Amino acid sequence: MLRYLRYLVLLVIGLVLLTIAFANRTLVTLSVLPGDVAQVVGWNSQVEVPLFVAIFGGVAVGLLIGFVWEWLREHRHRRVASTKTAEAQRLERELAAMRDAKGQPQDDVMALLEKKA
C-alpha cells in the first residue's frame, strides 16, 4: 500500500514539473558576464535555453551545493562517531579476552553445568 502511495506522490510531482516545463518553454539568454563587464573584458559567453531548463538547473545546482555543504558540516560528527565505534569495539574485544583469560565459560548454560560438576 505504501509503495502505491509513493508512486502516486511521484506521479503528482512529475505532472507538476511537466506543467511547469510546458508553461515556461520560451527561450531566454543566459550570459556568463553582465553586458558592461563583457564589453570591458571583450569576452562574453551566451547560451539560449528554455526558461524551464534555467529554473530546473538552478534548483539542481542549489540542491547540490546544499548537499555538499551539509556533508562538509557533518564531517566532524561522523569522525567522532567513527572514533567512538572503534573504541567500543576495542573495549569489547578486551573484555572478551579478559573473560577468556579468567577461564570463565562463555555462556550461562556452561556456567551452570560446571557448577554442578
PDB file of N, CA and C in Angstrom:
ATOM      1  N   MET A   1       0.821  -1.186   0.000  1.00  0.00           N
ATOM      2  CA  MET A   1       0.000   0.000   0.000  1.00  0.00           C
ATOM      3  C   MET A   1       0.869   1.255   0.000  1.00  0.00           C
ATOM      4  N   LEU A   2       1.932   1.232   0.818  1.00  0.00           N
ATOM      5  CA  LEU A   2       2.813   2.386   0.906  1.00  0.00           C
ATOM      6  C   LEU A   2       3.555   2.612  -0.414  1.00  0.00           C
ATOM      7  N   ARG A   3       3.852   1.529  -1.115  1.00  0.00           N
ATOM      8  CA  ARG A   3       4.528   1.637  -2.405  1.00  0.00           C
ATOM      9  C   ARG A   3       3.650   2.387  -3.400  1.00  0.00           C
ATOM     10  N   TYR A   4       2.350   2.083  -3.410  1.00  0.00           N
ATOM     11  CA  TYR A   4       1.435   2.757  -4.330  1.00  0.00           C
ATOM     12  C   TYR A   4       1.287   4.233  -3.975  1.00  0.00           C
ATOM     13  N   LEU A   5       1.312   4.538  -2.697  1.00  0.00           N
ATOM     14  CA  LEU A   5       1.247   5.934  -2.273  1.00  0.00           C
ATOM     15  C   LEU A   5       2.489   6.689  -2.750  1.00  0.00           C
ATOM     16  N   ARG A   6       3.636   6.044  -2.665  1.00  0.00           N
ATOM     17  CA  ARG A   6       4.871   6.660  -3.145  1.00  0.00           C
ATOM     18  C   ARG A   6       4.801   6.897  -4.647  1.00  0.00           C
ATOM     19  N   TYR A   7       4.292   5.920  -5.393  1.00  0.00           N
ATOM     20  CA  TYR A   7       4.138   6.094  -6.842  1.00  0.00           C
ATOM     21  C   TYR A   7       3.176   7.231  -7.158  1.00  0.00           C
ATOM     22  N   LEU A   8       2.116   7.359  -6.384  1.00  0.00           N
ATOM     23  CA  LEU A   8       1.151   8.431  -6.601  1.00  0.00           C
ATOM     24  C   LEU A   8       1.791   9.798  -6.355  1.00  0.00           C
ATOM     25  N   VAL A   9       2.562   9.917  -5.288  1.00  0.00           N
ATOM     26  CA  VAL A   9       3.242  11.182  -4.991  1.00  0.00           C
ATOM     27  C   VAL A   9       4.243  11.512  -6.093  1.00  0.00           C
ATOM     28  N   LEU A  10       5.009  10.526  -6.550  1.00  0.00           N
ATOM     29  CA  LEU A  10       5.961  10.758  -7.634  1.00  0.00           C
ATOM     30  C   LEU A  10       5.254  11.156  -8.922  1.00  0.00           C
ATOM     31  N   LEU A  11       4.104  10.568  -9.195  1.00  0.00           N
ATOM     32  CA  LEU A  11       3.332  10.917 -10.381  1.00  0.00           C
ATOM     33  C   LEU A  11       2.843  12.360 -10.307  1.00  0.00           C
ATOM     34  N   VAL A  12       2.350  12.766  -9.150  1.00  0.00           N
ATOM     35  CA  VAL A  12       1.879  14.148  -8.981  1.00  0.00           C
ATOM     36  C   VAL A  12       3.041  15.128  -9.140  1.00  0.00           C
ATOM     37  N   ILE A  13       4.183  14.822  -8.537  1.00  0.00           N
ATOM     38  CA  ILE A  13       5.355  15.693  -8.673  1.00  0.00           C
ATOM     39  C   ILE A  13       5.784  15.771 -10.136  1.00  0.00           C
ATOM     40  N   GLY A  14       5.791  14.642 -10.820  1.00  0.00           N
ATOM     41  CA  GLY A  14       6.142  14.628 -12.238  1.00  0.00           C
ATOM     42  C   GLY A  14       5.195  15.461 -13.078  1.00  0.00           C
ATOM     43  N   LEU A  15       3.895  15.360 -12.797  1.00  0.00           N
ATOM     44  CA  LEU A  15       2.920  16.159 -13.543  1.00  0.00           C
ATOM     45  C   LEU A  15       3.097  17.651 -13.279  1.00  0.00           C
ATOM     46  N   VAL A  16       3.390  18.016 -12.043  1.00  0.00           N
ATOM     47  CA  VAL A  16       3.626  19.429 -11.723  1.00  0.00           C
ATOM     48  C   VAL A  16       4.862  19.937 -12.459  1.00  0.00           C
ATOM     49  N   LEU A  17       5.940  19.157 -12.447  1.00  0.00           N
ATOM     50  CA  LEU A  17       7.157  19.566 -13.153  1.00  0.00           C
ATOM     51  C   LEU A  17       6.926  19.656 -14.658  1.00  0.00           C
ATOM     52  N   LEU A  18       6.162  18.733 -15.210  1.00  0.00           N
ATOM     53  CA  LEU A  18       5.840  18.761 -16.635  1.00  0.00           C
ATOM     54  C   LEU A  18       4.998  19.982 -16.979  1.00  0.00           C
ATOM     55  N   THR A  19       4.058  20.322 -16.122  1.00  0.00           N
ATOM     56  CA  THR A  19       3.234  21.518 -16.336  1.00  0.00           C
ATOM     57  C   THR A  19       4.092  22.781 -16.293  1.00  0.00           C
ATOM     58  N   ILE A  20       5.016  22.850 -15.342  1.00  0.00           N
ATOM     59  CA  ILE A  20       5.926  24.000 -15.265  1.00  0.00           C
ATOM     60  C   ILE A  20       6.779  24.080 -16.525  1.00  0.00           C
ATOM     61  N   ALA A  21       7.249  22.938 -17.007  1.00  0.00           N
ATOM     62  CA  ALA A  21       8.080  22.920 -18.209  1.00  0.00           C
ATOM     63  C   ALA A  21       7.295  23.406 -19.424  1.00  0.00           C
ATOM     64  N   PHE A  22       6.057  22.952 -19.591  1.00  0.00           N
ATOM     65  CA  PHE A  22       5.258  23.381 -20.740  1.00  0.00           C
ATOM     66  C   PHE A  22       4.893  24.861 -20.651  1.00  0.00           C
ATOM     67  N   ALA A  23       4.690  25.364 -19.452  1.00  0.00           N
ATOM     68  CA  ALA A  23       4.311  26.766 -19.287  1.00  0.00           C
ATOM     69  C   ALA A  23       5.500  27.709 -19.481  1.00  0.00           C
ATOM     70  N   ASN A  24       6.721  27.209 -19.370  1.00  0.00           N
ATOM     71  CA  ASN A  24       7.921  28.049 -19.455  1.00  0.00           C
ATOM     72  C   ASN A  24       8.850  27.583 -20.574  1.00  0.00           C
ATOM     73  N   ARG A  25       8.298  27.462 -21.785  1.00  0.00           N
ATOM     74  CA  ARG A  25       9.090  26.986 -22.914  1.00  0.00           C
ATOM     75  C   ARG A  25       9.807  28.097 -23.662  1.00  0.00           C
ATOM     76  N   THR A  26       9.535  29.342 -23.358  1.00  0.00           N
ATOM     77  CA  THR A  26      10.153  30.434 -24.106  1.00  0.00           C
ATOM     78  C   THR A  26      11.661  30.436 -23.892  1.00  0.00           C
ATOM     79  N   LEU A  27      12.393  30.844 -24.924  1.00  0.00           N
ATOM     80  CA  LEU A  27      13.845  30.861 -24.855  1.00  0.00           C
ATOM     81  C   LEU A  27      14.322  32.101 -24.109  1.00  0.00           C
ATOM     82  N   VAL A  28      15.312  31.899 -23.267  1.00  0.00           N
ATOM     83  CA  VAL A  28      15.959  33.002 -22.557  1.00  0.00           C
ATOM     84  C   VAL A  28      17.453  32.905 -22.819  1.00  0.00           C
ATOM     85  N   THR A  29      18.123  34.043 -22.745  1.00  0.00           N
ATOM     86  CA  THR A  29      19.562  34.081 -22.978  1.00  0.00           C
ATOM     87  C   THR A  29      20.272  34.143 -21.635  1.00  0.00           C
ATOM     88  N   LEU A  30      21.145  33.190 -21.406  1.00  0.00           N
ATOM     89  CA  LEU A  30      21.958  33.176 -20.188  1.00  0.00           C
ATOM     90  C   LEU A  30      23.360  33.641 -20.555  1.00  0.00           C
ATOM     91  N   SER A  31      23.851  34.650 -19.843  1.00  0.00           N
ATOM     92  CA  SER A  31      25.178  35.203 -20.101  1.00  0.00           C
ATOM     93  C   SER A  31      26.080  34.933 -18.910  1.00  0.00           C
ATOM     94  N   VAL A  32      27.358  34.711 -19.200  1.00  0.00           N
ATOM     95  CA  VAL A  32      28.322  34.482 -18.127  1.00  0.00           C
ATOM     96  C   VAL A  32      28.610  35.789 -17.393  1.00  0.00           C
ATOM     97  N   LEU A  33      28.727  36.887 -18.145  1.00  0.00           N
ATOM     98  CA  LEU A  33      29.049  38.194 -17.567  1.00  0.00           C
ATOM     99  C   LEU A  33      27.950  39.192 -17.890  1.00  0.00           C
ATOM    100  N   PRO A  34      27.751  40.197 -17.032  1.00  0.00           N
ATOM    101  CA  PRO A  34      26.820  41.276 -17.386  1.00  0.00           C
ATOM    102  C   PRO A  34      27.329  42.026 -18.622  1.00  0.00           C
ATOM    103  N   GLY A  35      26.435  42.717 -19.328  1.00  0.00           N
ATOM    104  CA  GLY A  35      26.786  43.363 -20.588  1.00  0.00           C
ATOM    105  C   GLY A  35      27.937  44.345 -20.489  1.00  0.00           C
ATOM    106  N   ASP A  36      27.936  45.223 -19.477  1.00  0.00           N
ATOM    107  CA  ASP A  36      29.003  46.222 -19.342  1.00  0.00           C
ATOM    108  C   ASP A  36      30.350  45.568 -19.053  1.00  0.00           C
ATOM    109  N   VAL A  37      30.365  44.588 -18.192  1.00  0.00           N
ATOM    110  CA  VAL A  37      31.614  43.889 -17.864  1.00  0.00           C
ATOM    111  C   VAL A  37      32.115  43.133 -19.088  1.00  0.00           C
ATOM    112  N   ALA A  38      31.218  42.560 -19.870  1.00  0.00           N
ATOM    113  CA  ALA A  38      31.611  41.826 -21.072  1.00  0.00           C
ATOM    114  C   ALA A  38      32.266  42.756 -22.084  1.00  0.00           C
ATOM    115  N   GLN A  39      31.796  44.003 -22.181  1.00  0.00           N
ATOM    116  CA  GLN A  39      32.411  44.953 -23.113  1.00  0.00           C
ATOM    117  C   GLN A  39      33.815  45.329 -22.657  1.00  0.00           C
ATOM    118  N   VAL A  40      34.010  45.498 -21.360  1.00  0.00           N
ATOM    119  CA  VAL A  40      35.332  45.855 -20.842  1.00  0.00           C
ATOM    120  C   VAL A  40      36.307  44.701 -21.041  1.00  0.00           C
ATOM    121  N   VAL A  41      35.870  43.503 -20.723  1.00  0.00           N
ATOM    122  CA  VAL A  41      36.734  42.327 -20.836  1.00  0.00           C
ATOM    123  C   VAL A  41      36.922  41.943 -22.298  1.00  0.00           C
ATOM    124  N   GLY A  42      35.913  42.146 -23.091  1.00  0.00           N
ATOM    125  CA  GLY A  42      35.987  41.783 -24.500  1.00  0.00           C
ATOM    126  C   GLY A  42      35.612  40.336 -24.758  1.00  0.00           C
ATOM    127  N   TRP A  43      34.989  39.705 -23.794  1.00  0.00           N
ATOM    128  CA  TRP A  43      34.593  38.306 -23.944  1.00  0.00           C
ATOM    129  C   TRP A  43      33.295  38.086 -23.194  1.00  0.00           C
ATOM    130  N   ASN A  44      32.393  37.373 -23.820  1.00  0.00           N
ATOM    131  CA  ASN A  44      31.152  37.011 -23.141  1.00  0.00           C
ATOM    132  C   ASN A  44      30.614  35.749 -23.788  1.00  0.00           C
ATOM    133  N   SER A  45      30.258  34.816 -22.991  1.00  0.00           N
ATOM    134  CA  SER A  45      29.667  33.575 -23.479  1.00  0.00           C
ATOM    135  C   SER A  45      28.181  33.602 -23.160  1.00  0.00           C
ATOM    136  N   GLN A  46      27.379  33.336 -24.179  1.00  0.00           N
ATOM    137  CA  GLN A  46      25.933  33.329 -24.007  1.00  0.00           C
ATOM    138  C   GLN A  46      25.374  32.031 -24.564  1.00  0.00           C
ATOM    139  N   VAL A  47      24.251  31.624 -23.997  1.00  0.00           N
ATOM    140  CA  VAL A  47      23.556  30.438 -24.484  1.00  0.00           C
ATOM    141  C   VAL A  47      22.061  30.689 -24.335  1.00  0.00           C
ATOM    142  N   GLU A  48      21.304  30.218 -25.308  1.00  0.00           N
ATOM    143  CA  GLU A  48      19.850  30.342 -25.234  1.00  0.00           C
ATOM    144  C   GLU A  48      19.265  28.989 -24.858  1.00  0.00           C
ATOM    145  N   VAL A  49      18.490  28.988 -23.796  1.00  0.00           N
ATOM    146  CA  VAL A  49      17.844  27.761 -23.318  1.00  0.00           C
ATOM    147  C   VAL A  49      16.400  28.080 -22.970  1.00  0.00           C
ATOM    148  N   PRO A  50      15.541  27.067 -22.961  1.00  0.00           N
ATOM    149  CA  PRO A  50      14.176  27.309 -22.483  1.00  0.00           C
ATOM    150  C   PRO A  50      14.205  27.710 -21.005  1.00  0.00           C
ATOM    151  N   LEU A  51      13.238  28.504 -20.610  1.00  0.00           N
ATOM    152  CA  LEU A  51      13.203  29.018 -19.239  1.00  0.00           C
ATOM    153  C   LEU A  51      13.135  27.892 -18.212  1.00  0.00           C
ATOM    154  N   PHE A  52      12.390  26.811 -18.517  1.00  0.00           N
ATOM    155  CA  PHE A  52      12.278  25.730 -17.536  1.00  0.00           C
ATOM    156  C   PHE A  52      13.617  25.042 -17.300  1.00  0.00           C
ATOM    157  N   VAL A  53      14.494  25.019 -18.313  1.00  0.00           N
ATOM    158  CA  VAL A  53      15.826  24.434 -18.127  1.00  0.00           C
ATOM    159  C   VAL A  53      16.628  25.292 -17.151  1.00  0.00           C
ATOM    160  N   ALA A  54      16.517  26.610 -17.292  1.00  0.00           N
ATOM    161  CA  ALA A  54      17.214  27.502 -16.366  1.00  0.00           C
ATOM    162  C   ALA A  54      16.673  27.340 -14.943  1.00  0.00           C
ATOM    163  N   ILE A  55      15.355  27.220 -14.815  1.00  0.00           N
ATOM    164  CA  ILE A  55      14.742  27.064 -13.486  1.00  0.00           C
ATOM    165  C   ILE A  55      15.165  25.743 -12.851  1.00  0.00           C
ATOM    166  N   PHE A  56      14.991  24.639 -13.585  1.00  0.00           N
ATOM    167  CA  PHE A  56      15.335  23.324 -13.035  1.00  0.00           C
ATOM    168  C   PHE A  56      16.835  23.201 -12.801  1.00  0.00           C
ATOM    169  N   GLY A  57      17.635  23.804 -13.675  1.00  0.00           N
ATOM    170  CA  GLY A  57      19.086  23.788 -13.477  1.00  0.00           C
ATOM    171  C   GLY A  57      19.487  24.529 -12.215  1.00  0.00           C
ATOM    172  N   GLY A  58      18.848  25.672 -11.969  1.00  0.00           N
ATOM    173  CA  GLY A  58      19.132  26.429 -10.748  1.00  0.00           C
ATOM    174  C   GLY A  58      18.754  25.658  -9.499  1.00  0.00           C
ATOM    175  N   VAL A  59      17.615  24.985  -9.557  1.00  0.00           N
ATOM    176  CA  VAL A  59      17.183  24.171  -8.410  1.00  0.00           C
ATOM    177  C   VAL A  59      18.165  23.018  -8.183  1.00  0.00           C
ATOM    178  N   ALA A  60      18.588  22.368  -9.271  1.00  0.00           N
ATOM    179  CA  ALA A  60      19.520  21.240  -9.143  1.00  0.00           C
ATOM    180  C   ALA A  60      20.866  21.693  -8.583  1.00  0.00           C
ATOM    181  N   VAL A  61      21.379  22.816  -9.079  1.00  0.00           N
ATOM    182  CA  VAL A  61      22.657  23.327  -8.569  1.00  0.00           C
ATOM    183  C   VAL A  61      22.520  23.722  -7.097  1.00  0.00           C
ATOM    184  N   GLY A  62      21.404  24.337  -6.736  1.00  0.00           N
ATOM    185  CA  GLY A  62      21.180  24.701  -5.339  1.00  0.00           C
ATOM    186  C   GLY A  62      21.126  23.490  -4.427  1.00  0.00           C
ATOM    187  N   LEU A  63      20.450  22.438  -4.878  1.00  0.00           N
ATOM    188  CA  LEU A  63      20.401  21.204  -4.084  1.00  0.00           C
ATOM    189  C   LEU A  63      21.787  20.587  -3.939  1.00  0.00           C
ATOM    190  N   LEU A  64      22.544  20.570  -5.025  1.00  0.00           N
ATOM    191  CA  LEU A  64      23.888  20.003  -4.980  1.00  0.00           C
ATOM    192  C   LEU A  64      24.776  20.777  -4.007  1.00  0.00           C
ATOM    193  N   ILE A  65      24.726  22.096  -4.077  1.00  0.00           N
ATOM    194  CA  ILE A  65      25.520  22.914  -3.151  1.00  0.00           C
ATOM    195  C   ILE A  65      25.080  22.664  -1.709  1.00  0.00           C
ATOM    196  N   GLY A  66      23.783  22.558  -1.476  1.00  0.00           N
ATOM    197  CA  GLY A  66      23.282  22.296  -0.129  1.00  0.00           C
ATOM    198  C   GLY A  66      23.716  20.942   0.404  1.00  0.00           C
ATOM    199  N   PHE A  67      23.671  19.909  -0.445  1.00  0.00           N
ATOM    200  CA  PHE A  67      24.098  18.579  -0.011  1.00  0.00           C
ATOM    201  C   PHE A  67      25.582  18.567   0.332  1.00  0.00           C
ATOM    202  N   VAL A  68      26.400  19.185  -0.519  1.00  0.00           N
ATOM    203  CA  VAL A  68      27.842  19.217  -0.256  1.00  0.00           C
ATOM    204  C   VAL A  68      28.127  20.016   1.012  1.00  0.00           C
ATOM    205  N   TRP A  69      27.468  21.141   1.183  1.00  0.00           N
ATOM    206  CA  TRP A  69      27.652  21.979   2.380  1.00  0.00           C
ATOM    207  C   TRP A  69      27.318  21.184   3.643  1.00  0.00           C
ATOM    208  N   GLU A  70      26.193  20.482   3.616  1.00  0.00           N
ATOM    209  CA  GLU A  70      25.767  19.702   4.785  1.00  0.00           C
ATOM    210  C   GLU A  70      26.728  18.545   5.045  1.00  0.00           C
ATOM    211  N   TRP A  71      27.206  17.896   3.987  1.00  0.00           N
ATOM    212  CA  TRP A  71      28.144  16.791   4.134  1.00  0.00           C
ATOM    213  C   TRP A  71      29.433  17.288   4.783  1.00  0.00           C
ATOM    214  N   LEU A  72      29.918  18.447   4.358  1.00  0.00           N
ATOM    215  CA  LEU A  72      31.128  19.008   4.955  1.00  0.00           C
ATOM    216  C   LEU A  72      30.888  19.428   6.401  1.00  0.00           C
ATOM    217  N   ARG A  73      29.703  19.962   6.695  1.00  0.00           N
ATOM    218  CA  ARG A  73      29.388  20.408   8.048  1.00  0.00           C
ATOM    219  C   ARG A  73      29.317  19.230   9.013  1.00  0.00           C
ATOM    220  N   GLU A  74      28.816  18.098   8.553  1.00  0.00           N
ATOM    221  CA  GLU A  74      28.651  16.933   9.427  1.00  0.00           C
ATOM    222  C   GLU A  74      29.901  16.068   9.516  1.00  0.00           C
ATOM    223  N   HIS A  75      30.979  16.450   8.868  1.00  0.00           N
ATOM    224  CA  HIS A  75      32.198  15.643   8.874  1.00  0.00           C
ATOM    225  C   HIS A  75      32.706  15.406  10.296  1.00  0.00           C
ATOM    226  N   ARG A  76      32.673  16.436  11.118  1.00  0.00           N
ATOM    227  CA  ARG A  76      33.160  16.310  12.499  1.00  0.00           C
ATOM    228  C   ARG A  76      32.342  15.275  13.268  1.00  0.00           C
ATOM    229  N   HIS A  77      31.023  15.291  13.089  1.00  0.00           N
ATOM    230  CA  HIS A  77      30.159  14.349  13.804  1.00  0.00           C
ATOM    231  C   HIS A  77      30.410  12.911  13.336  1.00  0.00           C
ATOM    232  N   ARG A  78      30.615  12.733  12.040  1.00  0.00           N
ATOM    233  CA  ARG A  78      30.908  11.388  11.530  1.00  0.00           C
ATOM    234  C   ARG A  78      32.251  10.891  12.052  1.00  0.00           C
ATOM    235  N   ARG A  79      33.234  11.784  12.151  1.00  0.00           N
ATOM    236  CA  ARG A  79      34.548  11.395  12.657  1.00  0.00           C
ATOM    237  C   ARG A  79      34.458  10.972  14.119  1.00  0.00           C
ATOM    238  N   VAL A  80      33.716  11.723  14.929  1.00  0.00           N
ATOM    239  CA  VAL A  80      33.552  11.379  16.349  1.00  0.00           C
ATOM    240  C   VAL A  80      32.831  10.043  16.482  1.00  0.00           C
ATOM    241  N   ALA A  81      31.783   9.829  15.695  1.00  0.00           N
ATOM    242  CA  ALA A  81      31.041   8.566  15.751  1.00  0.00           C
ATOM    243  C   ALA A  81      31.935   7.397  15.356  1.00  0.00           C
ATOM    244  N   SER A  82      32.762   7.589  14.350  1.00  0.00           N
ATOM    245  CA  SER A  82      33.675   6.528  13.926  1.00  0.00           C
ATOM    246  C   SER A  82      34.688   6.208  15.021  1.00  0.00           C
ATOM    247  N   THR A  83      35.208   7.235  15.672  1.00  0.00           N
ATOM    248  CA  THR A  83      36.166   7.033  16.758  1.00  0.00           C
ATOM    249  C   THR A  83      35.520   6.291  17.924  1.00  0.00           C
ATOM    250  N   LYS A  84      34.312   6.693  18.281  1.00  0.00           N
ATOM    251  CA  LYS A  84      33.608   6.038  19.392  1.00  0.00           C
ATOM    252  C   LYS A  84      33.280   4.583  19.055  1.00  0.00           C
ATOM    253  N   THR A  85      32.900   4.317  17.817  1.00  0.00           N
ATOM    254  CA  THR A  85      32.605   2.942  17.410  1.00  0.00           C
ATOM    255  C   THR A  85      33.856   2.077  17.497  1.00  0.00           C
ATOM    256  N   ALA A  86      34.974   2.604  17.009  1.00  0.00           N
ATOM    257  CA  ALA A  86      36.229   1.849  17.076  1.00  0.00           C
ATOM    258  C   ALA A  86      36.634   1.598  18.525  1.00  0.00           C
ATOM    259  N   GLU A  87      36.444   2.588  19.386  1.00  0.00           N
ATOM    260  CA  GLU A  87      36.786   2.421  20.797  1.00  0.00           C
ATOM    261  C   GLU A  87      35.892   1.373  21.462  1.00  0.00           C
ATOM    262  N   ALA A  88      34.600   1.391  21.141  1.00  0.00           N
ATOM    263  CA  ALA A  88      33.675   0.405  21.709  1.00  0.00           C
ATOM    264  C   ALA A  88      34.046  -1.006  21.254  1.00  0.00           C
ATOM    265  N   GLN A  89      34.405  -1.165  20.001  1.00  0.00           N
ATOM    266  CA  GLN A  89      34.810  -2.488  19.507  1.00  0.00           C
ATOM    267  C   GLN A  89      36.093  -2.953  20.188  1.00  0.00           C
ATOM    268  N   ARG A  90      37.033  -2.028  20.373  1.00  0.00           N
ATOM    269  CA  ARG A  90      38.281  -2.390  21.049  1.00  0.00           C
ATOM    270  C   ARG A  90      38.009  -2.831  22.485  1.00  0.00           C
ATOM    271  N   LEU A  91      37.137  -2.112  23.188  1.00  0.00           N
ATOM    272  CA  LEU A  91      36.813  -2.467  24.571  1.00  0.00           C
ATOM    273  C   LEU A  91      36.069  -3.793  24.648  1.00  0.00           C
ATOM    274  N   GLU A  92      35.208  -4.075  23.681  1.00  0.00           N
ATOM    275  CA  GLU A  92      34.511  -5.370  23.669  1.00  0.00           C
ATOM    276  C   GLU A  92      35.493  -6.514  23.453  1.00  0.00           C
ATOM    277  N   ARG A  93      36.465  -6.313  22.559  1.00  0.00           N
ATOM    278  CA  ARG A  93      37.486  -7.348  22.349  1.00  0.00           C
ATOM    279  C   ARG A  93      38.325  -7.540  23.609  1.00  0.00           C
ATOM    280  N   GLU A  94      38.660  -6.444  24.271  1.00  0.00           N
ATOM    281  CA  GLU A  94      39.444  -6.525  25.502  1.00  0.00           C
ATOM    282  C   GLU A  94      38.666  -7.247  26.594  1.00  0.00           C
ATOM    283  N   LEU A  95      37.382  -6.971  26.704  1.00  0.00           N
ATOM    284  CA  LEU A  95      36.542  -7.636  27.692  1.00  0.00           C
ATOM    285  C   LEU A  95      36.440  -9.134  27.396  1.00  0.00           C
ATOM    286  N   ALA A  96      36.285  -9.485  26.133  1.00  0.00           N
ATOM    287  CA  ALA A  96      36.221 -10.903  25.763  1.00  0.00           C
ATOM    288  C   ALA A  96      37.541 -11.599  26.082  1.00  0.00           C
ATOM    289  N   ALA A  97      38.649 -10.924  25.839  1.00  0.00           N
ATOM    290  CA  ALA A  97      39.956 -11.513  26.151  1.00  0.00           C
ATOM    291  C   ALA A  97      40.128 -11.690  27.655  1.00  0.00           C
ATOM    292  N   MET A  98      39.656 -10.749  28.451  1.00  0.00           N
ATOM    293  CA  MET A  98      39.756 -10.868  29.906  1.00  0.00           C
ATOM    294  C   MET A  98      38.896 -12.016  30.413  1.00  0.00           C
ATOM    295  N   ARG A  99      37.712 -12.200  29.829  1.00  0.00           N
ATOM    296  CA  ARG A  99      36.855 -13.309  30.249  1.00  0.00           C
ATOM    297  C   ARG A  99      37.501 -14.645  29.911  1.00  0.00           C
ATOM    298  N   ASP A 100      38.125 -14.720  28.739  1.00  0.00           N
ATOM    299  CA  ASP A 100      38.808 -15.957  28.353  1.00  0.00           C
ATOM    300  C   ASP A 100      40.004 -16.219  29.260  1.00  0.00           C
ATOM    301  N   ALA A 101      40.707 -15.172  29.647  1.00  0.00           N
ATOM    302  CA  ALA A 101      41.894 -15.329  30.490  1.00  0.00           C
ATOM    303  C   ALA A 101      41.521 -15.827  31.883  1.00  0.00           C
ATOM    304  N   LYS A 102      40.361 -15.445  32.385  1.00  0.00           N
ATOM    305  CA  LYS A 102      39.928 -15.891  33.700  1.00  0.00           C
ATOM    306  C   LYS A 102      39.403 -17.316  33.662  1.00  0.00           C
ATOM    307  N   GLY A 103      39.165 -17.815  32.490  1.00  0.00           N
ATOM    308  CA  GLY A 103      38.676 -19.176  32.378  1.00  0.00           C
ATOM    309  C   GLY A 103      37.194 -19.301  32.632  1.00  0.00           C
ATOM    310  N   GLN A 104      36.491 -18.219  32.623  1.00  0.00           N
ATOM    311  CA  GLN A 104      35.049 -18.282  32.812  1.00  0.00           C
ATOM    312  C   GLN A 104      34.396 -18.769  31.521  1.00  0.00           C
ATOM    313  N   PRO A 105      33.337 -19.537  31.667  1.00  0.00           N
ATOM    314  CA  PRO A 105      32.643 -20.019  30.478  1.00  0.00           C
ATOM    315  C   PRO A 105      31.994 -18.857  29.719  1.00  0.00           C
ATOM    316  N   GLN A 106      31.764 -19.098  28.439  1.00  0.00           N
ATOM    317  CA  GLN A 106      31.233 -18.053  27.571  1.00  0.00           C
ATOM    318  C   GLN A 106      29.747 -17.794  27.784  1.00  0.00           C
ATOM    319  N   ASP A 107      28.997 -18.801  28.226  1.00  0.00           N
ATOM    320  CA  ASP A 107      27.560 -18.566  28.378  1.00  0.00           C
ATOM    321  C   ASP A 107      27.073 -19.119  29.716  1.00  0.00           C
ATOM    322  N   ASP A 108      25.849 -18.789  30.062  1.00  0.00           N
ATOM    323  CA  ASP A 108      25.288 -19.148  31.362  1.00  0.00           C
ATOM    324  C   ASP A 108      25.034 -20.650  31.501  1.00  0.00           C
ATOM    325  N   VAL A 109      24.671 -21.303  30.431  1.00  0.00           N
ATOM    326  CA  VAL A 109      24.389 -22.744  30.494  1.00  0.00           C
ATOM    327  C   VAL A 109      25.651 -23.508  30.877  1.00  0.00           C
ATOM    328  N   MET A 110      26.769 -23.142  30.246  1.00  0.00           N
ATOM    329  CA  MET A 110      28.026 -23.816  30.573  1.00  0.00           C
ATOM    330  C   MET A 110      28.432 -23.525  32.023  1.00  0.00           C
ATOM    331  N   ALA A 111      28.150 -22.335  32.506  1.00  0.00           N
ATOM    332  CA  ALA A 111      28.478 -21.995  33.893  1.00  0.00           C
ATOM    333  C   ALA A 111      27.685 -22.864  34.854  1.00  0.00           C
ATOM    334  N   LEU A 112      26.398 -23.096  34.587  1.00  0.00           N
ATOM    335  CA  LEU A 112      25.578 -23.949  35.444  1.00  0.00           C
ATOM    336  C   LEU A 112      26.064 -25.393  35.417  1.00  0.00           C
ATOM    337  N   LEU A 113      26.445 -25.877  34.251  1.00  0.00           N
ATOM    338  CA  LEU A 113      26.933 -27.252  34.149  1.00  0.00           C
ATOM    339  C   LEU A 113      28.245 -27.429  34.907  1.00  0.00           C
ATOM    340  N   GLU A 114      29.129 -26.442  34.841  1.00  0.00           N
ATOM    341  CA  GLU A 114      30.401 -26.549  35.533  1.00  0.00           C
ATOM    342  C   GLU A 114      30.231 -26.451  37.045  1.00  0.00           C
ATOM    343  N   LYS A 115      29.227 -25.700  37.526  1.00  0.00           N
ATOM    344  CA  LYS A 115      28.982 -25.598  38.961  1.00  0.00           C
ATOM    345  C   LYS A 115      28.512 -26.933  39.520  1.00  0.00           C
ATOM    346  N   LYS A 116      27.686 -27.664  38.766  1.00  0.00           N
ATOM    347  CA  LYS A 116      27.167 -28.949  39.235  1.00  0.00           C
ATOM    348  C   LYS A 116      28.253 -30.010  39.258  1.00  0.00           C
ATOM    349  N   ALA A 117      29.223 -29.888  38.431  1.00  0.00           N
ATOM    350  CA  ALA A 117      30.247 -30.922  38.340  1.00  0.00           C
ATOM    351  C   ALA A 117      31.277 -30.820  39.393  1.00  0.00           C
TER     352      ALA A 117
END
